[in-house]
Amino acid sequence: MKTFRLILALMFIASVMVGCASRISSNVYSREQAQRVHHVDEGEIINVRPVEIEGSVSGLGTIAGAIIGHAVGGTIGEGSGQEVARALGTIGGALLGTAVEEGASHQRGLEITVQLDYGEVVAIIQAADEGFQVGDRVRVLRLADGSARVVQQSYGSLVRLSY
């Protein structure tokens, strides 16, 4: 029964950590970014460089790993040996939980350098979820908080209407 509960706890914690992993993508918007005005600039990609975006460590993985490690340590030995196993399990579980959380949220990214039509050059780092190439026409969406993203321009150029 202890083993079943341990496996169930591990599966729950793994699913929570994967669900908490955020994506720094051109196609994923946070709640704070939804229904906000984005300043849009058009431009051309002049450089694309692959990068790694490090994972986040919220502490959830550390805590979950420590709890599981403590529980596993409690199944080993008896008396003072069991207490040592629990202590080592707690420390090892915390380290492993931290590594799992960081690994689950780690992602491949792109540093995309864009020369905007009015001359400014900007570089934006985001998830490597689309095939950007040098020479592509793109839109850069910027928020007042300084965040930005590059999106494919699937239509010619923006149509400007004047009345």
N, C-alpha and C. Protein backbone atom coordinates (compact mmCIF):
# COMPACT_ATOMS: atom_id res chain seq x y z
N MET A 1 0.82 -1.19 0.00
CA MET A 1 0.00 0.00 0.00
C MET A 1 0.87 1.26 0.00
N LYS A 2 2.00 1.23 0.77
CA LYS A 2 2.89 2.39 0.79
C LYS A 2 3.45 2.67 -0.60
N THR A 3 3.82 1.61 -1.31
CA THR A 3 4.37 1.78 -2.66
C THR A 3 3.35 2.39 -3.60
N PHE A 4 2.10 1.95 -3.52
CA PHE A 4 1.05 2.49 -4.37
C PHE A 4 0.86 3.98 -4.11
N ARG A 5 0.83 4.38 -2.83
CA ARG A 5 0.66 5.81 -2.50
C ARG A 5 1.85 6.62 -2.99
N LEU A 6 3.04 6.05 -2.89
CA LEU A 6 4.24 6.74 -3.34
C LEU A 6 4.20 6.97 -4.85
N ILE A 7 3.83 5.94 -5.59
CA ILE A 7 3.73 6.07 -7.05
C ILE A 7 2.66 7.08 -7.44
N LEU A 8 1.53 7.04 -6.75
CA LEU A 8 0.46 8.00 -7.00
C LEU A 8 0.93 9.43 -6.73
N ALA A 9 1.66 9.63 -5.63
CA ALA A 9 2.18 10.96 -5.29
C ALA A 9 3.17 11.43 -6.35
N LEU A 10 4.05 10.55 -6.81
CA LEU A 10 5.02 10.92 -7.85
C LEU A 10 4.33 11.33 -9.15
N MET A 11 3.31 10.59 -9.54
CA MET A 11 2.58 10.92 -10.76
C MET A 11 1.87 12.27 -10.62
N PHE A 12 1.28 12.53 -9.47
CA PHE A 12 0.60 13.80 -9.24
C PHE A 12 1.58 14.97 -9.31
N ILE A 13 2.71 14.84 -8.64
CA ILE A 13 3.69 15.92 -8.61
C ILE A 13 4.27 16.16 -10.00
N ALA A 14 4.55 15.10 -10.73
CA ALA A 14 5.08 15.27 -12.09
C ALA A 14 4.08 15.99 -12.98
N SER A 15 2.80 15.64 -12.87
CA SER A 15 1.80 16.30 -13.70
C SER A 15 1.63 17.77 -13.33
N VAL A 16 1.73 18.09 -12.04
CA VAL A 16 1.64 19.49 -11.61
C VAL A 16 2.81 20.29 -12.14
N MET A 17 4.02 19.72 -12.05
CA MET A 17 5.21 20.45 -12.52
C MET A 17 5.17 20.68 -14.02
N VAL A 18 4.74 19.68 -14.78
CA VAL A 18 4.65 19.86 -16.22
C VAL A 18 3.58 20.87 -16.57
N GLY A 19 2.47 20.86 -15.84
CA GLY A 19 1.39 21.81 -16.07
C GLY A 19 1.78 23.23 -15.74
N CYS A 20 2.73 23.41 -14.84
CA CYS A 20 3.16 24.75 -14.43
C CYS A 20 4.22 25.33 -15.35
N ALA A 21 4.79 24.52 -16.21
CA ALA A 21 5.84 25.00 -17.09
C ALA A 21 5.27 26.05 -18.04
N SER A 22 5.88 27.22 -18.09
CA SER A 22 5.38 28.27 -18.96
C SER A 22 6.14 28.23 -20.28
N ARG A 23 5.51 28.69 -21.32
CA ARG A 23 6.12 28.74 -22.64
C ARG A 23 6.35 30.19 -23.02
N ILE A 24 7.53 30.44 -23.50
CA ILE A 24 7.87 31.78 -23.98
C ILE A 24 7.76 31.70 -25.50
N SER A 25 6.55 31.75 -25.99
CA SER A 25 6.24 31.44 -27.37
C SER A 25 5.54 32.61 -28.05
N SER A 26 5.60 32.60 -29.38
CA SER A 26 4.87 33.61 -30.13
C SER A 26 3.38 33.29 -30.17
N ASN A 27 3.02 32.06 -29.83
CA ASN A 27 1.63 31.63 -29.93
C ASN A 27 0.92 31.47 -28.59
N VAL A 28 1.61 31.73 -27.48
CA VAL A 28 1.02 31.57 -26.15
C VAL A 28 1.02 32.92 -25.45
N TYR A 29 -0.15 33.34 -25.00
CA TYR A 29 -0.29 34.61 -24.30
C TYR A 29 -0.66 34.36 -22.85
N SER A 30 -0.08 35.13 -21.95
CA SER A 30 -0.45 35.05 -20.54
C SER A 30 -1.77 35.80 -20.34
N ARG A 31 -2.41 35.58 -19.22
CA ARG A 31 -3.64 36.30 -18.91
C ARG A 31 -3.40 37.81 -18.92
N GLU A 32 -2.24 38.24 -18.43
CA GLU A 32 -1.94 39.67 -18.36
C GLU A 32 -1.77 40.28 -19.75
N GLN A 33 -1.38 39.47 -20.74
CA GLN A 33 -1.18 39.99 -22.09
C GLN A 33 -2.46 40.02 -22.91
N ALA A 34 -3.44 39.23 -22.51
CA ALA A 34 -4.71 39.19 -23.24
C ALA A 34 -5.46 40.50 -23.02
N GLN A 35 -6.15 40.93 -24.02
CA GLN A 35 -6.96 42.14 -24.00
C GLN A 35 -6.14 43.39 -23.65
N ARG A 36 -4.90 43.43 -24.09
CA ARG A 36 -4.04 44.59 -23.95
C ARG A 36 -3.69 45.08 -25.35
N VAL A 37 -3.45 46.37 -25.47
CA VAL A 37 -3.05 46.94 -26.75
C VAL A 37 -1.58 46.60 -26.99
N HIS A 38 -1.31 46.01 -28.14
CA HIS A 38 0.06 45.71 -28.54
C HIS A 38 0.45 46.69 -29.64
N HIS A 39 1.59 47.33 -29.48
CA HIS A 39 2.14 48.20 -30.53
C HIS A 39 2.75 47.27 -31.57
N VAL A 40 2.40 47.45 -32.83
CA VAL A 40 2.83 46.55 -33.90
C VAL A 40 3.78 47.28 -34.84
N ASP A 41 4.95 46.68 -35.05
CA ASP A 41 5.92 47.17 -36.03
C ASP A 41 6.17 46.06 -37.03
N GLU A 42 6.42 46.43 -38.27
CA GLU A 42 6.79 45.46 -39.29
C GLU A 42 8.28 45.56 -39.55
N GLY A 43 8.84 44.46 -39.98
CA GLY A 43 10.26 44.47 -40.30
C GLY A 43 10.69 43.19 -40.98
N GLU A 44 12.03 43.06 -41.11
CA GLU A 44 12.62 41.91 -41.77
C GLU A 44 13.64 41.29 -40.84
N ILE A 45 13.63 39.97 -40.76
CA ILE A 45 14.59 39.26 -39.92
C ILE A 45 15.97 39.36 -40.56
N ILE A 46 16.95 39.81 -39.78
CA ILE A 46 18.32 39.89 -40.28
C ILE A 46 19.24 38.86 -39.63
N ASN A 47 18.79 38.21 -38.56
CA ASN A 47 19.59 37.16 -37.94
C ASN A 47 18.69 36.29 -37.06
N VAL A 48 18.97 34.99 -37.07
CA VAL A 48 18.28 34.04 -36.20
C VAL A 48 19.35 33.16 -35.57
N ARG A 49 19.31 33.08 -34.25
CA ARG A 49 20.32 32.30 -33.54
C ARG A 49 19.64 31.41 -32.51
N PRO A 50 19.94 30.10 -32.52
CA PRO A 50 19.35 29.22 -31.52
C PRO A 50 19.93 29.50 -30.13
N VAL A 51 19.09 29.49 -29.13
CA VAL A 51 19.51 29.69 -27.73
C VAL A 51 18.75 28.70 -26.85
N GLU A 52 19.18 28.57 -25.62
CA GLU A 52 18.48 27.76 -24.63
C GLU A 52 17.85 28.70 -23.62
N ILE A 53 16.59 28.48 -23.29
CA ILE A 53 15.90 29.28 -22.29
C ILE A 53 15.84 28.43 -21.03
N GLU A 54 16.52 28.89 -19.99
CA GLU A 54 16.60 28.07 -18.78
C GLU A 54 15.22 27.91 -18.15
N GLY A 55 15.07 26.80 -17.47
CA GLY A 55 13.80 26.51 -16.82
C GLY A 55 13.63 27.31 -15.54
N SER A 56 12.41 27.37 -15.08
CA SER A 56 12.12 28.10 -13.85
C SER A 56 12.15 27.15 -12.66
N VAL A 57 12.45 27.71 -11.51
CA VAL A 57 12.45 26.95 -10.27
C VAL A 57 11.61 27.73 -9.27
N SER A 58 10.37 27.28 -9.10
CA SER A 58 9.43 27.97 -8.21
C SER A 58 9.55 27.49 -6.77
N GLY A 59 10.18 26.35 -6.57
CA GLY A 59 10.25 25.75 -5.24
C GLY A 59 9.30 24.59 -5.08
N LEU A 60 8.31 24.48 -5.97
CA LEU A 60 7.35 23.38 -5.91
C LEU A 60 8.05 22.04 -6.06
N GLY A 61 8.95 21.94 -7.02
CA GLY A 61 9.68 20.69 -7.24
C GLY A 61 10.55 20.33 -6.06
N THR A 62 11.18 21.34 -5.45
CA THR A 62 12.04 21.11 -4.29
C THR A 62 11.23 20.56 -3.12
N ILE A 63 10.11 21.20 -2.85
CA ILE A 63 9.25 20.78 -1.73
C ILE A 63 8.68 19.39 -1.99
N ALA A 64 8.16 19.18 -3.20
CA ALA A 64 7.58 17.88 -3.53
C ALA A 64 8.63 16.78 -3.46
N GLY A 65 9.81 17.05 -3.98
CA GLY A 65 10.89 16.06 -3.94
C GLY A 65 11.30 15.74 -2.51
N ALA A 66 11.36 16.76 -1.67
CA ALA A 66 11.73 16.53 -0.26
C ALA A 66 10.69 15.66 0.44
N ILE A 67 9.42 15.93 0.19
CA ILE A 67 8.35 15.14 0.82
C ILE A 67 8.43 13.69 0.36
N ILE A 68 8.59 13.49 -0.93
CA ILE A 68 8.67 12.12 -1.45
C ILE A 68 9.93 11.43 -0.95
N GLY A 69 11.05 12.15 -0.96
CA GLY A 69 12.30 11.58 -0.46
C GLY A 69 12.20 11.18 1.00
N HIS A 70 11.53 12.00 1.79
CA HIS A 70 11.32 11.69 3.21
C HIS A 70 10.47 10.42 3.35
N ALA A 71 9.41 10.32 2.54
CA ALA A 71 8.54 9.15 2.59
C ALA A 71 9.29 7.88 2.17
N VAL A 72 10.08 7.98 1.11
CA VAL A 72 10.84 6.82 0.64
C VAL A 72 11.87 6.42 1.70
N GLY A 73 12.55 7.40 2.27
CA GLY A 73 13.52 7.11 3.33
C GLY A 73 12.89 6.39 4.51
N GLY A 74 11.63 6.68 4.79
CA GLY A 74 10.93 6.04 5.90
C GLY A 74 10.65 4.57 5.68
N THR A 75 10.80 4.11 4.43
CA THR A 75 10.57 2.70 4.15
C THR A 75 11.85 1.88 4.24
N ILE A 76 12.96 2.53 4.52
CA ILE A 76 14.27 1.86 4.54
C ILE A 76 14.74 1.73 5.98
N GLY A 77 15.13 0.56 6.37
CA GLY A 77 15.74 0.32 7.67
C GLY A 77 14.78 0.49 8.83
N GLU A 78 15.39 0.50 10.04
CA GLU A 78 14.64 0.66 11.28
C GLU A 78 15.43 1.54 12.23
N GLY A 79 14.75 2.13 13.20
CA GLY A 79 15.40 2.91 14.26
C GLY A 79 16.18 4.09 13.72
N SER A 80 17.44 4.24 14.23
CA SER A 80 18.26 5.38 13.82
C SER A 80 18.67 5.28 12.36
N GLY A 81 18.78 4.06 11.84
CA GLY A 81 19.08 3.88 10.41
C GLY A 81 17.97 4.44 9.54
N GLN A 82 16.74 4.28 9.99
CA GLN A 82 15.60 4.81 9.26
C GLN A 82 15.60 6.34 9.28
N GLU A 83 15.98 6.92 10.41
CA GLU A 83 16.05 8.38 10.50
C GLU A 83 17.11 8.94 9.57
N VAL A 84 18.25 8.25 9.48
CA VAL A 84 19.31 8.68 8.55
C VAL A 84 18.81 8.55 7.11
N ALA A 85 18.12 7.45 6.81
CA ALA A 85 17.57 7.26 5.46
C ALA A 85 16.56 8.35 5.13
N ARG A 86 15.73 8.72 6.10
CA ARG A 86 14.75 9.80 5.87
C ARG A 86 15.46 11.12 5.59
N ALA A 87 16.49 11.43 6.38
CA ALA A 87 17.22 12.69 6.19
C ALA A 87 17.87 12.72 4.81
N LEU A 88 18.54 11.62 4.45
CA LEU A 88 19.19 11.56 3.13
C LEU A 88 18.14 11.59 2.02
N GLY A 89 17.02 10.90 2.24
CA GLY A 89 15.94 10.91 1.25
C GLY A 89 15.36 12.30 1.06
N THR A 90 15.22 13.04 2.14
CA THR A 90 14.69 14.40 2.07
C THR A 90 15.62 15.30 1.26
N ILE A 91 16.92 15.23 1.57
CA ILE A 91 17.90 16.07 0.85
C ILE A 91 17.98 15.66 -0.62
N GLY A 92 18.12 14.36 -0.86
CA GLY A 92 18.21 13.88 -2.24
C GLY A 92 16.95 14.17 -3.03
N GLY A 93 15.79 13.98 -2.39
CA GLY A 93 14.52 14.27 -3.06
C GLY A 93 14.38 15.74 -3.42
N ALA A 94 14.82 16.61 -2.50
CA ALA A 94 14.75 18.05 -2.77
C ALA A 94 15.62 18.42 -3.97
N LEU A 95 16.83 17.88 -4.02
CA LEU A 95 17.73 18.16 -5.15
C LEU A 95 17.16 17.62 -6.45
N LEU A 96 16.65 16.41 -6.40
CA LEU A 96 16.07 15.80 -7.59
C LEU A 96 14.81 16.55 -8.04
N GLY A 97 13.97 16.94 -7.09
CA GLY A 97 12.75 17.69 -7.42
C GLY A 97 13.06 19.01 -8.09
N THR A 98 14.10 19.70 -7.61
CA THR A 98 14.53 20.97 -8.21
C THR A 98 14.97 20.74 -9.66
N ALA A 99 15.78 19.69 -9.86
CA ALA A 99 16.28 19.38 -11.20
C ALA A 99 15.14 19.01 -12.15
N VAL A 100 14.17 18.25 -11.66
CA VAL A 100 13.04 17.84 -12.50
C VAL A 100 12.21 19.06 -12.90
N GLU A 101 11.96 19.95 -11.94
CA GLU A 101 11.17 21.15 -12.26
C GLU A 101 11.88 22.02 -13.28
N GLU A 102 13.18 22.23 -13.10
CA GLU A 102 13.94 23.05 -14.04
C GLU A 102 13.95 22.40 -15.42
N GLY A 103 14.15 21.10 -15.46
CA GLY A 103 14.18 20.38 -16.74
C GLY A 103 12.85 20.40 -17.46
N ALA A 104 11.75 20.33 -16.69
CA ALA A 104 10.41 20.31 -17.30
C ALA A 104 10.07 21.66 -17.94
N SER A 105 10.64 22.75 -17.45
CA SER A 105 10.32 24.07 -17.98
C SER A 105 11.42 24.63 -18.89
N HIS A 106 12.53 23.92 -19.02
CA HIS A 106 13.63 24.32 -19.92
C HIS A 106 13.15 24.17 -21.36
N GLN A 107 13.54 25.08 -22.23
CA GLN A 107 13.10 24.96 -23.62
C GLN A 107 14.10 25.56 -24.60
N ARG A 108 14.02 25.05 -25.82
CA ARG A 108 14.83 25.61 -26.90
C ARG A 108 14.22 26.94 -27.31
N GLY A 109 15.09 27.89 -27.63
CA GLY A 109 14.60 29.20 -28.03
C GLY A 109 15.33 29.74 -29.24
N LEU A 110 14.88 30.89 -29.68
CA LEU A 110 15.53 31.61 -30.78
C LEU A 110 15.75 33.06 -30.37
N GLU A 111 16.90 33.58 -30.70
CA GLU A 111 17.14 35.02 -30.61
C GLU A 111 16.92 35.53 -32.04
N ILE A 112 15.85 36.30 -32.21
CA ILE A 112 15.46 36.77 -33.55
C ILE A 112 15.77 38.27 -33.63
N THR A 113 16.66 38.63 -34.54
CA THR A 113 17.02 40.04 -34.72
C THR A 113 16.25 40.56 -35.93
N VAL A 114 15.52 41.66 -35.71
CA VAL A 114 14.65 42.22 -36.75
C VAL A 114 15.04 43.67 -37.00
N GLN A 115 15.19 44.01 -38.27
CA GLN A 115 15.35 45.41 -38.66
C GLN A 115 13.96 45.91 -39.01
N LEU A 116 13.47 46.82 -38.18
CA LEU A 116 12.13 47.36 -38.39
C LEU A 116 12.15 48.30 -39.59
N ASP A 117 11.00 48.47 -40.20
CA ASP A 117 10.91 49.26 -41.42
C ASP A 117 11.40 50.70 -41.24
N TYR A 118 11.30 51.24 -40.04
CA TYR A 118 11.76 52.62 -39.83
C TYR A 118 13.21 52.68 -39.36
N GLY A 119 13.94 51.54 -39.41
CA GLY A 119 15.37 51.54 -39.18
C GLY A 119 15.86 50.94 -37.87
N GLU A 120 15.04 50.94 -36.82
CA GLU A 120 15.49 50.39 -35.54
C GLU A 120 15.73 48.89 -35.66
N VAL A 121 16.76 48.41 -34.96
CA VAL A 121 17.05 46.98 -34.92
C VAL A 121 16.76 46.48 -33.51
N VAL A 122 15.94 45.41 -33.40
CA VAL A 122 15.59 44.83 -32.11
C VAL A 122 15.89 43.33 -32.13
N ALA A 123 16.22 42.79 -30.97
CA ALA A 123 16.42 41.35 -30.83
C ALA A 123 15.45 40.85 -29.76
N ILE A 124 14.73 39.79 -30.08
CA ILE A 124 13.73 39.24 -29.18
C ILE A 124 14.00 37.75 -29.04
N ILE A 125 13.95 37.26 -27.80
CA ILE A 125 14.16 35.85 -27.52
C ILE A 125 12.82 35.23 -27.16
N GLN A 126 12.50 34.13 -27.83
CA GLN A 126 11.25 33.42 -27.57
C GLN A 126 11.44 31.96 -27.92
N ALA A 127 10.45 31.14 -27.59
CA ALA A 127 10.52 29.70 -27.86
C ALA A 127 10.71 29.45 -29.35
N ALA A 128 11.41 28.38 -29.66
CA ALA A 128 11.65 28.00 -31.05
C ALA A 128 10.48 27.17 -31.56
N ASP A 129 9.32 27.78 -31.63
CA ASP A 129 8.12 27.05 -32.03
C ASP A 129 7.70 27.33 -33.46
N GLU A 130 8.39 28.21 -34.13
CA GLU A 130 8.09 28.50 -35.53
C GLU A 130 9.39 28.57 -36.30
N GLY A 131 9.32 28.35 -37.60
CA GLY A 131 10.51 28.37 -38.44
C GLY A 131 10.82 29.75 -38.98
N PHE A 132 11.50 30.57 -38.19
CA PHE A 132 11.89 31.90 -38.65
C PHE A 132 13.20 31.80 -39.41
N GLN A 133 13.30 32.56 -40.51
CA GLN A 133 14.52 32.56 -41.32
C GLN A 133 14.90 33.99 -41.69
N VAL A 134 16.20 34.18 -41.91
CA VAL A 134 16.69 35.49 -42.36
C VAL A 134 15.95 35.85 -43.64
N GLY A 135 15.48 37.09 -43.71
CA GLY A 135 14.76 37.59 -44.88
C GLY A 135 13.24 37.54 -44.73
N ASP A 136 12.73 36.78 -43.74
CA ASP A 136 11.28 36.72 -43.52
C ASP A 136 10.75 38.08 -43.10
N ARG A 137 9.59 38.42 -43.64
CA ARG A 137 8.86 39.61 -43.17
C ARG A 137 8.07 39.19 -41.95
N VAL A 138 8.18 39.97 -40.88
CA VAL A 138 7.51 39.63 -39.62
C VAL A 138 6.90 40.87 -38.99
N ARG A 139 6.08 40.62 -37.97
CA ARG A 139 5.56 41.69 -37.14
C ARG A 139 6.15 41.54 -35.75
N VAL A 140 6.48 42.64 -35.13
CA VAL A 140 6.95 42.64 -33.74
C VAL A 140 5.84 43.28 -32.92
N LEU A 141 5.32 42.53 -31.97
CA LEU A 141 4.24 43.01 -31.09
C LEU A 141 4.87 43.38 -29.76
N ARG A 142 4.67 44.63 -29.33
CA ARG A 142 5.27 45.12 -28.09
C ARG A 142 4.18 45.60 -27.14
N LEU A 143 4.41 45.32 -25.85
CA LEU A 143 3.55 45.84 -24.80
C LEU A 143 4.28 46.95 -24.06
N ALA A 144 3.54 47.76 -23.35
CA ALA A 144 4.14 48.88 -22.59
C ALA A 144 5.10 48.39 -21.52
N ASP A 145 4.93 47.14 -21.04
CA ASP A 145 5.81 46.62 -19.98
C ASP A 145 7.18 46.20 -20.51
N GLY A 146 7.39 46.34 -21.82
CA GLY A 146 8.68 45.99 -22.41
C GLY A 146 8.71 44.61 -23.04
N SER A 147 7.70 43.80 -22.81
CA SER A 147 7.68 42.48 -23.42
C SER A 147 7.35 42.61 -24.91
N ALA A 148 7.85 41.65 -25.67
CA ALA A 148 7.63 41.68 -27.12
C ALA A 148 7.68 40.26 -27.66
N ARG A 149 7.16 40.09 -28.84
CA ARG A 149 7.21 38.80 -29.52
C ARG A 149 7.27 39.04 -31.02
N VAL A 150 7.84 38.08 -31.73
CA VAL A 150 7.91 38.14 -33.18
C VAL A 150 6.89 37.13 -33.70
N VAL A 151 6.06 37.56 -34.66
CA VAL A 151 5.08 36.66 -35.26
C VAL A 151 5.22 36.71 -36.78
N GLN A 152 4.94 35.58 -37.38
CA GLN A 152 4.99 35.50 -38.84
C GLN A 152 3.99 36.47 -39.43
N GLN A 153 4.37 37.05 -40.52
CA GLN A 153 3.47 37.96 -41.23
C GLN A 153 2.89 37.16 -42.38
N SER A 154 1.70 36.62 -42.18
CA SER A 154 1.12 35.73 -43.17
C SER A 154 0.39 36.47 -44.29
N TYR A 155 0.33 37.75 -44.18
CA TYR A 155 -0.29 38.55 -45.22
C TYR A 155 0.70 39.63 -45.63
N GLY A 156 0.61 40.15 -46.83
CA GLY A 156 1.53 41.16 -47.35
C GLY A 156 2.00 42.16 -46.31
N SER A 157 1.64 43.37 -46.45
CA SER A 157 1.96 44.38 -45.44
C SER A 157 0.66 44.87 -44.83
N LEU A 158 0.76 45.52 -43.70
CA LEU A 158 -0.43 46.06 -43.07
C LEU A 158 -1.10 47.06 -44.01
N VAL A 159 -2.40 47.00 -44.05
CA VAL A 159 -3.15 47.92 -44.90
C VAL A 159 -3.46 49.15 -44.04
N ARG A 160 -3.07 50.29 -44.50
CA ARG A 160 -3.31 51.52 -43.78
C ARG A 160 -4.45 52.27 -44.47
N LEU A 161 -5.51 52.48 -43.73
CA LEU A 161 -6.66 53.18 -44.29
C LEU A 161 -6.61 54.63 -43.90
N SER A 162 -6.96 55.48 -44.81
CA SER A 162 -7.07 56.90 -44.48
C SER A 162 -8.44 57.37 -44.95
N TYR A 163 -9.02 58.22 -44.16
CA TYR A 163 -10.36 58.74 -44.49
C TYR A 163 -10.30 60.17 -44.90
